[in-house]
């Protein structure tokens, strides 16, 4: 599904039918350390994916944060991208 939406195939649907909602939530990327079970805090950041003629894959906003795990999901029904960071010690962002 990720390849279909962000690598050009979905652009044909956008051009033929305009902006569409897709009723699912999809993991896009993740990085989990072996010691993920030590995490005690989670940061959740939500972003809107704006209507466009050409899709670009969302990226982590805080890719350099020292975390035990990161998860990036998106929901094409309401076009929201959500980042999750799993932390042992709570950081101020």
PDB file of N, CA and C in Angstrom:
ATOM      1  N   UNK A   1       0.820  -1.189   0.000  1.00  0.00           N
ATOM      2  CA  UNK A   1       0.000   0.000   0.000  1.00  0.00           C
ATOM      3  C   UNK A   1       0.868   1.258   0.000  1.00  0.00           C
ATOM      4  N   UNK A   2       1.984   1.224   0.755  1.00  0.00           N
ATOM      5  CA  UNK A   2       2.870   2.390   0.791  1.00  0.00           C
ATOM      6  C   UNK A   2       3.410   2.717  -0.591  1.00  0.00           C
ATOM      7  N   UNK A   3       3.865   1.707  -1.315  1.00  0.00           N
ATOM      8  CA  UNK A   3       4.384   1.913  -2.665  1.00  0.00           C
ATOM      9  C   UNK A   3       3.293   2.451  -3.578  1.00  0.00           C
ATOM     10  N   UNK A   4       2.101   1.899  -3.485  1.00  0.00           N
ATOM     11  CA  UNK A   4       0.983   2.327  -4.318  1.00  0.00           C
ATOM     12  C   UNK A   4       0.675   3.809  -4.109  1.00  0.00           C
ATOM     13  N   UNK A   5       0.628   4.249  -2.857  1.00  0.00           N
ATOM     14  CA  UNK A   5       0.229   5.632  -2.574  1.00  0.00           C
ATOM     15  C   UNK A   5       1.354   6.628  -2.825  1.00  0.00           C
ATOM     16  N   UNK A   6       2.575   6.315  -2.402  1.00  0.00           N
ATOM     17  CA  UNK A   6       3.627   7.333  -2.407  1.00  0.00           C
ATOM     18  C   UNK A   6       4.638   7.224  -3.540  1.00  0.00           C
ATOM     19  N   UNK A   7       4.584   6.184  -4.341  1.00  0.00           N
ATOM     20  CA  UNK A   7       5.559   6.048  -5.427  1.00  0.00           C
ATOM     21  C   UNK A   7       4.965   6.252  -6.817  1.00  0.00           C
ATOM     22  N   UNK A   8       3.871   7.006  -6.890  1.00  0.00           N
ATOM     23  CA  UNK A   8       3.370   7.425  -8.196  1.00  0.00           C
ATOM     24  C   UNK A   8       2.103   6.761  -8.694  1.00  0.00           C
ATOM     25  N   UNK A   9       1.798   5.542  -8.255  1.00  0.00           N
ATOM     26  CA  UNK A   9       0.621   4.845  -8.770  1.00  0.00           C
ATOM     27  C   UNK A   9      -0.679   5.551  -8.386  1.00  0.00           C
ATOM     28  N   UNK A  10      -0.752   6.044  -7.168  1.00  0.00           N
ATOM     29  CA  UNK A  10      -1.966   6.722  -6.695  1.00  0.00           C
ATOM     30  C   UNK A  10      -2.195   8.049  -7.417  1.00  0.00           C
ATOM     31  N   UNK A  11      -1.156   8.597  -8.012  1.00  0.00           N
ATOM     32  CA  UNK A  11      -1.288   9.863  -8.739  1.00  0.00           C
ATOM     33  C   UNK A  11      -2.303   9.750  -9.883  1.00  0.00           C
ATOM     34  N   UNK A  12      -2.430   8.566 -10.492  1.00  0.00           N
ATOM     35  CA  UNK A  12      -3.433   8.367 -11.541  1.00  0.00           C
ATOM     36  C   UNK A  12      -4.842   8.534 -10.990  1.00  0.00           C
ATOM     37  N   UNK A  13      -5.086   8.033  -9.796  1.00  0.00           N
ATOM     38  CA  UNK A  13      -6.402   8.205  -9.166  1.00  0.00           C
ATOM     39  C   UNK A  13      -6.632   9.670  -8.841  1.00  0.00           C
ATOM     40  N   UNK A  14      -5.598  10.339  -8.320  1.00  0.00           N
ATOM     41  CA  UNK A  14      -5.728  11.764  -8.013  1.00  0.00           C
ATOM     42  C   UNK A  14      -6.073  12.572  -9.261  1.00  0.00           C
ATOM     43  N   UNK A  15      -5.433  12.243 -10.369  1.00  0.00           N
ATOM     44  CA  UNK A  15      -5.671  12.984 -11.605  1.00  0.00           C
ATOM     45  C   UNK A  15      -7.041  12.674 -12.203  1.00  0.00           C
ATOM     46  N   UNK A  16      -7.514  11.428 -12.049  1.00  0.00           N
ATOM     47  CA  UNK A  16      -8.795  11.034 -12.636  1.00  0.00           C
ATOM     48  C   UNK A  16      -9.992  11.397 -11.762  1.00  0.00           C
ATOM     49  N   UNK A  17      -9.857  11.216 -10.443  1.00  0.00           N
ATOM     50  CA  UNK A  17     -11.009  11.355  -9.549  1.00  0.00           C
ATOM     51  C   UNK A  17     -10.827  12.422  -8.486  1.00  0.00           C
ATOM     52  N   UNK A  18      -9.649  13.032  -8.397  1.00  0.00           N
ATOM     53  CA  UNK A  18      -9.392  14.034  -7.369  1.00  0.00           C
ATOM     54  C   UNK A  18      -9.015  13.383  -6.040  1.00  0.00           C
ATOM     55  N   UNK A  19      -8.915  14.218  -5.023  1.00  0.00           N
ATOM     56  CA  UNK A  19      -8.502  13.782  -3.689  1.00  0.00           C
ATOM     57  C   UNK A  19      -9.532  12.823  -3.111  1.00  0.00           C
ATOM     58  N   UNK A  20      -9.070  11.658  -2.654  1.00  0.00           N
ATOM     59  CA  UNK A  20      -9.944  10.617  -2.126  1.00  0.00           C
ATOM     60  C   UNK A  20      -9.548  10.264  -0.699  1.00  0.00           C
ATOM     61  N   UNK A  21     -10.511   9.752   0.072  1.00  0.00           N
ATOM     62  CA  UNK A  21     -10.238   9.223   1.403  1.00  0.00           C
ATOM     63  C   UNK A  21     -10.192   7.705   1.322  1.00  0.00           C
ATOM     64  N   UNK A  22      -9.222   7.113   2.015  1.00  0.00           N
ATOM     65  CA  UNK A  22      -9.074   5.664   2.068  1.00  0.00           C
ATOM     66  C   UNK A  22      -9.284   5.261   3.525  1.00  0.00           C
ATOM     67  N   UNK A  23     -10.171   4.322   3.787  1.00  0.00           N
ATOM     68  CA  UNK A  23     -10.597   3.997   5.143  1.00  0.00           C
ATOM     69  C   UNK A  23      -9.723   2.915   5.800  1.00  0.00           C
ATOM     70  N   UNK A  24      -8.439   3.225   6.044  1.00  0.00           N
ATOM     71  CA  UNK A  24      -7.532   2.315   6.741  1.00  0.00           C
ATOM     72  C   UNK A  24      -6.434   3.123   7.420  1.00  0.00           C
ATOM     73  N   UNK A  25      -5.731   2.521   8.344  1.00  0.00           N
ATOM     74  CA  UNK A  25      -4.558   3.135   8.954  1.00  0.00           C
ATOM     75  C   UNK A  25      -3.371   2.210   8.710  1.00  0.00           C
ATOM     76  N   UNK A  26      -2.256   2.767   8.296  1.00  0.00           N
ATOM     77  CA  UNK A  26      -1.161   1.959   7.777  1.00  0.00           C
ATOM     78  C   UNK A  26       0.160   2.344   8.448  1.00  0.00           C
ATOM     79  N   UNK A  27       0.907   1.352   8.952  1.00  0.00           N
ATOM     80  CA  UNK A  27       2.259   1.671   9.413  1.00  0.00           C
ATOM     81  C   UNK A  27       3.146   1.968   8.209  1.00  0.00           C
ATOM     82  N   UNK A  28       3.913   3.017   8.316  1.00  0.00           N
ATOM     83  CA  UNK A  28       4.763   3.425   7.199  1.00  0.00           C
ATOM     84  C   UNK A  28       6.240   3.103   7.457  1.00  0.00           C
ATOM     85  N   UNK A  29       6.685   3.358   8.678  1.00  0.00           N
ATOM     86  CA  UNK A  29       8.087   3.099   9.021  1.00  0.00           C
ATOM     87  C   UNK A  29       8.183   2.840  10.518  1.00  0.00           C
ATOM     88  N   UNK A  30       9.175   2.058  10.892  1.00  0.00           N
ATOM     89  CA  UNK A  30       9.422   1.845  12.315  1.00  0.00           C
ATOM     90  C   UNK A  30      10.877   1.484  12.537  1.00  0.00           C
ATOM     91  N   UNK A  31      11.325   1.808  13.726  1.00  0.00           N
ATOM     92  CA  UNK A  31      12.668   1.444  14.172  1.00  0.00           C
ATOM     93  C   UNK A  31      12.532   1.102  15.647  1.00  0.00           C
ATOM     94  N   UNK A  32      12.769  -0.149  15.999  1.00  0.00           N
ATOM     95  CA  UNK A  32      12.606  -0.596  17.372  1.00  0.00           C
ATOM     96  C   UNK A  32      13.926  -1.186  17.871  1.00  0.00           C
ATOM     97  N   UNK A  33      14.403  -0.664  18.986  1.00  0.00           N
ATOM     98  CA  UNK A  33      15.629  -1.170  19.596  1.00  0.00           C
ATOM     99  C   UNK A  33      15.323  -2.440  20.385  1.00  0.00           C
ATOM    100  N   UNK A  34      16.344  -3.239  20.625  1.00  0.00           N
ATOM    101  CA  UNK A  34      16.171  -4.485  21.381  1.00  0.00           C
ATOM    102  C   UNK A  34      15.682  -4.222  22.802  1.00  0.00           C
ATOM    103  N   UNK A  35      16.028  -3.076  23.359  1.00  0.00           N
ATOM    104  CA  UNK A  35      15.621  -2.746  24.723  1.00  0.00           C
ATOM    105  C   UNK A  35      14.364  -1.865  24.772  1.00  0.00           C
ATOM    106  N   UNK A  36      13.513  -1.994  23.786  1.00  0.00           N
ATOM    107  CA  UNK A  36      12.266  -1.222  23.730  1.00  0.00           C
ATOM    108  C   UNK A  36      11.444  -1.389  25.004  1.00  0.00           C
ATOM    109  N   UNK A  37      11.515  -2.546  25.621  1.00  0.00           N
ATOM    110  CA  UNK A  37      10.736  -2.798  26.826  1.00  0.00           C
ATOM    111  C   UNK A  37      11.124  -1.886  27.994  1.00  0.00           C
ATOM    112  N   UNK A  38      12.235  -1.162  27.885  1.00  0.00           N
ATOM    113  CA  UNK A  38      12.639  -0.218  28.919  1.00  0.00           C
ATOM    114  C   UNK A  38      11.933   1.137  28.782  1.00  0.00           C
ATOM    115  N   UNK A  39      11.210   1.317  27.705  1.00  0.00           N
ATOM    116  CA  UNK A  39      10.543   2.611  27.493  1.00  0.00           C
ATOM    117  C   UNK A  39       9.452   2.820  28.540  1.00  0.00           C
ATOM    118  N   UNK A  40       9.396   4.031  29.041  1.00  0.00           N
ATOM    119  CA  UNK A  40       8.412   4.417  30.056  1.00  0.00           C
ATOM    120  C   UNK A  40       7.548   5.592  29.600  1.00  0.00           C
ATOM    121  N   UNK A  41       7.935   6.205  28.509  1.00  0.00           N
ATOM    122  CA  UNK A  41       7.234   7.391  28.011  1.00  0.00           C
ATOM    123  C   UNK A  41       7.028   7.250  26.511  1.00  0.00           C
ATOM    124  N   UNK A  42       5.979   7.888  26.025  1.00  0.00           N
ATOM    125  CA  UNK A  42       5.728   7.908  24.592  1.00  0.00           C
ATOM    126  C   UNK A  42       5.324   9.323  24.192  1.00  0.00           C
ATOM    127  N   UNK A  43       5.887   9.781  23.102  1.00  0.00           N
ATOM    128  CA  UNK A  43       5.496  11.060  22.519  1.00  0.00           C
ATOM    129  C   UNK A  43       4.726  10.751  21.241  1.00  0.00           C
ATOM    130  N   UNK A  44       3.566  11.363  21.087  1.00  0.00           N
ATOM    131  CA  UNK A  44       2.731  11.188  19.891  1.00  0.00           C
ATOM    132  C   UNK A  44       2.577  12.547  19.222  1.00  0.00           C
ATOM    133  N   UNK A  45       2.932  12.607  17.955  1.00  0.00           N
ATOM    134  CA  UNK A  45       2.840  13.848  17.195  1.00  0.00           C
ATOM    135  C   UNK A  45       2.000  13.575  15.955  1.00  0.00           C
ATOM    136  N   UNK A  46       0.984  14.387  15.756  1.00  0.00           N
ATOM    137  CA  UNK A  46       0.063  14.178  14.632  1.00  0.00           C
ATOM    138  C   UNK A  46       0.193  15.335  13.643  1.00  0.00           C
ATOM    139  N   UNK A  47       0.207  14.993  12.353  1.00  0.00           N
ATOM    140  CA  UNK A  47       0.318  15.979  11.282  1.00  0.00           C
ATOM    141  C   UNK A  47      -0.768  15.704  10.251  1.00  0.00           C
ATOM    142  N   UNK A  48      -1.246  16.748   9.643  1.00  0.00           N
ATOM    143  CA  UNK A  48      -2.187  16.605   8.535  1.00  0.00           C
ATOM    144  C   UNK A  48      -1.395  16.396   7.247  1.00  0.00           C
ATOM    145  N   UNK A  49      -1.869  15.482   6.408  1.00  0.00           N
ATOM    146  CA  UNK A  49      -1.313  15.322   5.063  1.00  0.00           C
ATOM    147  C   UNK A  49      -2.214  16.132   4.140  1.00  0.00           C
ATOM    148  N   UNK A  50      -1.683  17.193   3.575  1.00  0.00           N
ATOM    149  CA  UNK A  50      -2.485  18.123   2.770  1.00  0.00           C
ATOM    150  C   UNK A  50      -2.777  17.553   1.389  1.00  0.00           C
ATOM    151  N   UNK A  51      -3.907  17.961   0.842  1.00  0.00           N
ATOM    152  CA  UNK A  51      -4.287  17.556  -0.514  1.00  0.00           C
ATOM    153  C   UNK A  51      -3.228  18.039  -1.501  1.00  0.00           C
ATOM    154  N   UNK A  52      -2.917  17.185  -2.477  1.00  0.00           N
ATOM    155  CA  UNK A  52      -1.864  17.490  -3.440  1.00  0.00           C
ATOM    156  C   UNK A  52      -2.103  16.699  -4.720  1.00  0.00           C
ATOM    157  N   UNK A  53      -1.404  17.054  -5.774  1.00  0.00           N
ATOM    158  CA  UNK A  53      -1.479  16.314  -7.035  1.00  0.00           C
ATOM    159  C   UNK A  53      -0.438  15.206  -7.108  1.00  0.00           C
ATOM    160  N   UNK A  54       0.628  15.312  -6.301  1.00  0.00           N
ATOM    161  CA  UNK A  54       1.685  14.296  -6.265  1.00  0.00           C
ATOM    162  C   UNK A  54       2.028  13.998  -4.814  1.00  0.00           C
ATOM    163  N   UNK A  55       1.961  12.741  -4.444  1.00  0.00           N
ATOM    164  CA  UNK A  55       2.198  12.331  -3.065  1.00  0.00           C
ATOM    165  C   UNK A  55       3.689  12.277  -2.763  1.00  0.00           C
ATOM    166  N   UNK A  56       4.047  12.667  -1.531  1.00  0.00           N
ATOM    167  CA  UNK A  56       5.397  12.524  -1.005  1.00  0.00           C
ATOM    168  C   UNK A  56       5.291  11.790   0.324  1.00  0.00           C
ATOM    169  N   UNK A  57       6.186  10.848   0.529  1.00  0.00           N
ATOM    170  CA  UNK A  57       6.146  10.051   1.750  1.00  0.00           C
ATOM    171  C   UNK A  57       6.451  10.917   2.970  1.00  0.00           C
ATOM    172  N   UNK A  58       5.609  10.854   4.011  1.00  0.00           N
ATOM    173  CA  UNK A  58       5.897  11.598   5.246  1.00  0.00           C
ATOM    174  C   UNK A  58       7.197  11.130   5.889  1.00  0.00           C
ATOM    175  N   UNK A  59       7.820  12.010   6.611  1.00  0.00           N
ATOM    176  CA  UNK A  59       9.081  11.721   7.301  1.00  0.00           C
ATOM    177  C   UNK A  59       8.925  12.033   8.788  1.00  0.00           C
ATOM    178  N   UNK A  60       9.809  11.467   9.594  1.00  0.00           N
ATOM    179  CA  UNK A  60       9.854  11.818  11.009  1.00  0.00           C
ATOM    180  C   UNK A  60      10.293  13.268  11.157  1.00  0.00           C
ATOM    181  N   UNK A  61       9.611  14.011  12.014  1.00  0.00           N
ATOM    182  CA  UNK A  61      10.005  15.388  12.287  1.00  0.00           C
ATOM    183  C   UNK A  61      11.235  15.410  13.190  1.00  0.00           C
ATOM    184  N   UNK A  62      11.266  14.513  14.173  1.00  0.00           N
ATOM    185  CA  UNK A  62      12.363  14.451  15.137  1.00  0.00           C
ATOM    186  C   UNK A  62      13.178  13.176  14.915  1.00  0.00           C
ATOM    187  N   UNK A  63      13.737  13.011  13.763  1.00  0.00           N
ATOM    188  CA  UNK A  63      14.474  11.787  13.438  1.00  0.00           C
ATOM    189  C   UNK A  63      15.736  11.624  14.279  1.00  0.00           C
ATOM    190  N   UNK A  64      16.234  12.696  14.880  1.00  0.00           N
ATOM    191  CA  UNK A  64      17.466  12.611  15.658  1.00  0.00           C
ATOM    192  C   UNK A  64      17.222  12.481  17.162  1.00  0.00           C
ATOM    193  N   UNK A  65      15.977  12.294  17.581  1.00  0.00           N
ATOM    194  CA  UNK A  65      15.680  12.150  19.006  1.00  0.00           C
ATOM    195  C   UNK A  65      16.224  10.812  19.500  1.00  0.00           C
ATOM    196  N   UNK A  66      16.754  10.802  20.711  1.00  0.00           N
ATOM    197  CA  UNK A  66      17.324   9.594  21.297  1.00  0.00           C
ATOM    198  C   UNK A  66      16.181   8.751  21.879  1.00  0.00           C
ATOM    199  N   UNK A  67      15.677   7.810  21.097  1.00  0.00           N
ATOM    200  CA  UNK A  67      14.530   7.011  21.518  1.00  0.00           C
ATOM    201  C   UNK A  67      14.851   5.524  21.439  1.00  0.00           C
ATOM    202  N   UNK A  68      14.022   4.733  22.111  1.00  0.00           N
ATOM    203  CA  UNK A  68      14.145   3.282  22.057  1.00  0.00           C
ATOM    204  C   UNK A  68      13.324   2.704  20.907  1.00  0.00           C
ATOM    205  N   UNK A  69      12.485   3.534  20.335  1.00  0.00           N
ATOM    206  CA  UNK A  69      11.683   3.095  19.202  1.00  0.00           C
ATOM    207  C   UNK A  69      10.963   4.259  18.568  1.00  0.00           C
ATOM    208  N   UNK A  70      10.704   4.126  17.279  1.00  0.00           N
ATOM    209  CA  UNK A  70       9.960   5.131  16.521  1.00  0.00           C
ATOM    210  C   UNK A  70       8.973   4.396  15.622  1.00  0.00           C
ATOM    211  N   UNK A  71       7.781   4.953  15.491  1.00  0.00           N
ATOM    212  CA  UNK A  71       6.766   4.385  14.618  1.00  0.00           C
ATOM    213  C   UNK A  71       6.097   5.532  13.881  1.00  0.00           C
ATOM    214  N   UNK A  72       5.940   5.379  12.576  1.00  0.00           N
ATOM    215  CA  UNK A  72       5.303   6.394  11.738  1.00  0.00           C
ATOM    216  C   UNK A  72       4.131   5.730  11.031  1.00  0.00           C
ATOM    217  N   UNK A  73       2.924   6.234  11.255  1.00  0.00           N
ATOM    218  CA  UNK A  73       1.721   5.679  10.622  1.00  0.00           C
ATOM    219  C   UNK A  73       0.983   6.793   9.889  1.00  0.00           C
ATOM    220  N   UNK A  74       0.094   6.381   8.998  1.00  0.00           N
ATOM    221  CA  UNK A  74      -0.791   7.360   8.367  1.00  0.00           C
ATOM    222  C   UNK A  74      -2.164   6.735   8.172  1.00  0.00           C
ATOM    223  N   UNK A  75      -3.160   7.592   8.147  1.00  0.00           N
ATOM    224  CA  UNK A  75      -4.537   7.169   7.967  1.00  0.00           C
ATOM    225  C   UNK A  75      -5.094   7.898   6.748  1.00  0.00           C
ATOM    226  N   UNK A  76      -5.257   7.181   5.628  1.00  0.00           N
ATOM    227  CA  UNK A  76      -5.758   7.832   4.420  1.00  0.00           C
ATOM    228  C   UNK A  76      -7.240   8.208   4.484  1.00  0.00           C
ATOM    229  N   UNK A  77      -7.971   7.725   5.495  1.00  0.00           N
ATOM    230  CA  UNK A  77      -9.381   8.132   5.616  1.00  0.00           C
ATOM    231  C   UNK A  77      -9.467   9.616   5.946  1.00  0.00           C
ATOM    232  N   UNK A  78      -8.662  10.059   6.911  1.00  0.00           N
ATOM    233  CA  UNK A  78      -8.683  11.476   7.276  1.00  0.00           C
ATOM    234  C   UNK A  78      -7.353  12.169   6.975  1.00  0.00           C
ATOM    235  N   UNK A  79      -6.440  11.491   6.287  1.00  0.00           N
ATOM    236  CA  UNK A  79      -5.144  12.006   5.866  1.00  0.00           C
ATOM    237  C   UNK A  79      -4.383  12.655   7.023  1.00  0.00           C
ATOM    238  N   UNK A  80      -4.130  11.803   8.021  1.00  0.00           N
ATOM    239  CA  UNK A  80      -3.347  12.192   9.187  1.00  0.00           C
ATOM    240  C   UNK A  80      -2.124  11.286   9.272  1.00  0.00           C
ATOM    241  N   UNK A  81      -0.984  11.861   9.547  1.00  0.00           N
ATOM    242  CA  UNK A  81       0.247  11.116   9.784  1.00  0.00           C
ATOM    243  C   UNK A  81       0.553  11.252  11.278  1.00  0.00           C
ATOM    244  N   UNK A  82       0.876  10.132  11.926  1.00  0.00           N
ATOM    245  CA  UNK A  82       1.169  10.152  13.352  1.00  0.00           C
ATOM    246  C   UNK A  82       2.542   9.546  13.608  1.00  0.00           C
ATOM    247  N   UNK A  83       3.334  10.261  14.395  1.00  0.00           N
ATOM    248  CA  UNK A  83       4.655   9.789  14.804  1.00  0.00           C
ATOM    249  C   UNK A  83       4.584   9.373  16.260  1.00  0.00           C
ATOM    250  N   UNK A  84       5.211   8.249  16.584  1.00  0.00           N
ATOM    251  CA  UNK A  84       5.308   7.790  17.958  1.00  0.00           C
ATOM    252  C   UNK A  84       6.779   7.603  18.291  1.00  0.00           C
ATOM    253  N   UNK A  85       7.198   8.145  19.427  1.00  0.00           N
ATOM    254  CA  UNK A  85       8.559   7.975  19.924  1.00  0.00           C
ATOM    255  C   UNK A  85       8.476   7.337  21.299  1.00  0.00           C
ATOM    256  N   UNK A  86       9.196   6.237  21.513  1.00  0.00           N
ATOM    257  CA  UNK A  86       9.185   5.509  22.771  1.00  0.00           C
ATOM    258  C   UNK A  86      10.489   5.815  23.501  1.00  0.00           C
ATOM    259  N   UNK A  87      10.370   6.336  24.735  1.00  0.00           N
ATOM    260  CA  UNK A  87      11.518   6.864  25.454  1.00  0.00           C
ATOM    261  C   UNK A  87      11.655   6.229  26.836  1.00  0.00           C
ATOM    262  N   UNK A  88      12.888   6.073  27.276  1.00  0.00           N
ATOM    263  CA  UNK A  88      13.137   5.644  28.652  1.00  0.00           C
ATOM    264  C   UNK A  88      13.068   6.856  29.585  1.00  0.00           C
ATOM    265  N   UNK A  89      13.617   7.974  29.118  1.00  0.00           N
ATOM    266  CA  UNK A  89      13.613   9.215  29.876  1.00  0.00           C
ATOM    267  C   UNK A  89      12.841  10.245  29.055  1.00  0.00           C
ATOM    268  N   UNK A  90      11.952  10.958  29.696  1.00  0.00           N
ATOM    269  CA  UNK A  90      11.130  11.949  28.990  1.00  0.00           C
ATOM    270  C   UNK A  90      11.987  13.133  28.563  1.00  0.00           C
ATOM    271  N   UNK A  91      11.941  13.461  27.284  1.00  0.00           N
ATOM    272  CA  UNK A  91      12.669  14.603  26.721  1.00  0.00           C
ATOM    273  C   UNK A  91      11.701  15.750  26.502  1.00  0.00           C
ATOM    274  N   UNK A  92      12.204  16.947  26.610  1.00  0.00           N
ATOM    275  CA  UNK A  92      11.426  18.125  26.265  1.00  0.00           C
ATOM    276  C   UNK A  92      11.675  18.433  24.795  1.00  0.00           C
ATOM    277  N   UNK A  93      10.616  18.509  24.032  1.00  0.00           N
ATOM    278  CA  UNK A  93      10.763  18.780  22.595  1.00  0.00           C
ATOM    279  C   UNK A  93      10.314  20.195  22.308  1.00  0.00           C
TER     280      UNK A  93
END
